[in-house]
Amino acid sequence: MSMELYEFTSLTEKMQIETARTGIFLAERADAVNHISLYNLGTFYVEIYHSVGLNKVAMVRAFKTTNTLAPYLEQFKDIKGLL
């Protein structure tokens, strides 16, 4: 199913989560209070913020800009060992 960003953002949070998880899982990271999963849905990306302390989804964020991927790229700063 092909979906545009505006269609995704018009869904309920529950549907956004379900739809995001049908996309391609790319990476995960953590901040001080959340475990964050990144998915690609073709023309845009979705982050699902899961609050560790509350044990529930705190936020779903969809975006197109690749600048927002920077925190994930930090994980791969030193790839020499992988080559």
Protein backbone atom coordinates (compact mmCIF):
# COMPACT_ATOMS: atom_id res chain seq x y z
CA MET A 1 0.00 0.00 0.00
CA SER A 2 1.46 3.33 -1.05
CA MET A 3 0.71 6.21 1.26
CA GLU A 4 1.62 9.86 1.28
CA LEU A 5 2.78 11.75 4.37
CA TYR A 6 -0.42 13.81 4.63
CA GLU A 7 -2.50 10.60 4.54
CA PHE A 8 -0.39 9.07 7.29
CA THR A 9 -0.65 12.11 9.55
CA SER A 10 -4.45 12.09 9.20
CA LEU A 11 -4.64 8.59 10.74
CA THR A 12 -5.26 7.96 14.43
CA GLU A 13 -2.15 7.31 16.51
CA LYS A 14 -3.04 3.61 16.75
CA MET A 15 -3.33 3.34 12.96
CA GLN A 16 -0.09 5.31 12.50
CA ILE A 17 1.73 2.81 14.70
CA GLU A 18 0.25 -0.17 12.86
CA THR A 19 1.02 1.36 9.47
CA ALA A 20 4.58 2.33 10.43
CA ARG A 21 5.31 -1.22 11.52
CA THR A 22 4.36 -2.48 8.06
CA GLY A 23 7.18 -0.35 6.64
CA ILE A 24 10.86 -1.17 6.52
CA PHE A 25 12.51 -1.12 9.94
CA LEU A 26 15.75 0.88 9.60
CA ALA A 27 17.24 1.52 13.02
CA GLU A 28 16.68 2.23 16.66
CA ARG A 29 18.15 4.56 19.23
CA ALA A 30 17.45 5.82 22.71
CA ASP A 31 17.32 9.19 24.41
CA ALA A 32 17.03 9.92 28.13
CA VAL A 33 13.46 8.58 28.43
CA ASN A 34 12.49 6.89 25.15
CA HIS A 35 13.35 3.96 22.96
CA ILE A 36 12.92 5.20 19.36
CA SER A 37 12.33 2.99 16.32
CA LEU A 38 12.75 4.29 12.76
CA TYR A 39 10.77 2.99 9.78
CA ASN A 40 10.72 3.86 6.08
CA LEU A 41 7.37 4.02 4.35
CA GLY A 42 8.63 4.75 0.86
CA THR A 43 8.46 8.52 0.50
CA PHE A 44 8.79 9.36 4.21
CA TYR A 45 10.11 8.13 7.54
CA VAL A 46 8.36 7.44 10.84
CA GLU A 47 9.77 7.42 14.34
CA ILE A 48 7.88 5.68 17.14
CA TYR A 49 8.88 6.96 20.58
CA HIS A 50 8.23 4.38 23.28
CA SER A 51 8.44 5.80 26.80
CA VAL A 52 10.47 3.37 28.88
CA GLY A 53 9.19 4.70 32.21
CA LEU A 54 5.53 4.73 31.19
CA ASN A 55 5.80 1.58 29.04
CA LYS A 56 3.68 3.06 26.25
CA VAL A 57 4.03 4.96 22.99
CA ALA A 58 4.72 8.59 23.81
CA MET A 59 4.79 9.98 20.27
CA VAL A 60 4.73 9.12 16.58
CA ARG A 61 6.64 11.48 14.30
CA ALA A 62 6.60 11.37 10.50
CA PHE A 63 8.99 13.35 8.30
CA LYS A 64 10.57 13.57 4.86
CA THR A 65 13.76 15.50 5.53
CA THR A 66 16.92 13.42 5.72
CA ASN A 67 18.42 15.90 8.21
CA THR A 68 16.27 14.25 10.87
CA LEU A 69 18.19 11.00 10.31
CA ALA A 70 21.39 12.47 11.80
CA PRO A 71 20.98 10.87 15.26
CA TYR A 72 20.89 7.44 13.60
CA LEU A 73 23.92 8.14 11.45
CA GLU A 74 25.94 8.86 14.59
CA GLN A 75 25.75 5.13 15.31
CA PHE A 76 27.78 4.50 12.17
CA LYS A 77 30.49 7.16 12.60
CA ASP A 78 33.30 4.65 12.58
CA ILE A 79 32.56 2.02 9.94
CA LYS A 80 36.20 1.21 9.16
CA GLY A 81 35.92 -1.92 11.29
CA LEU A 82 33.05 -3.10 9.12
CA LEU A 83 34.99 -2.86 5.86
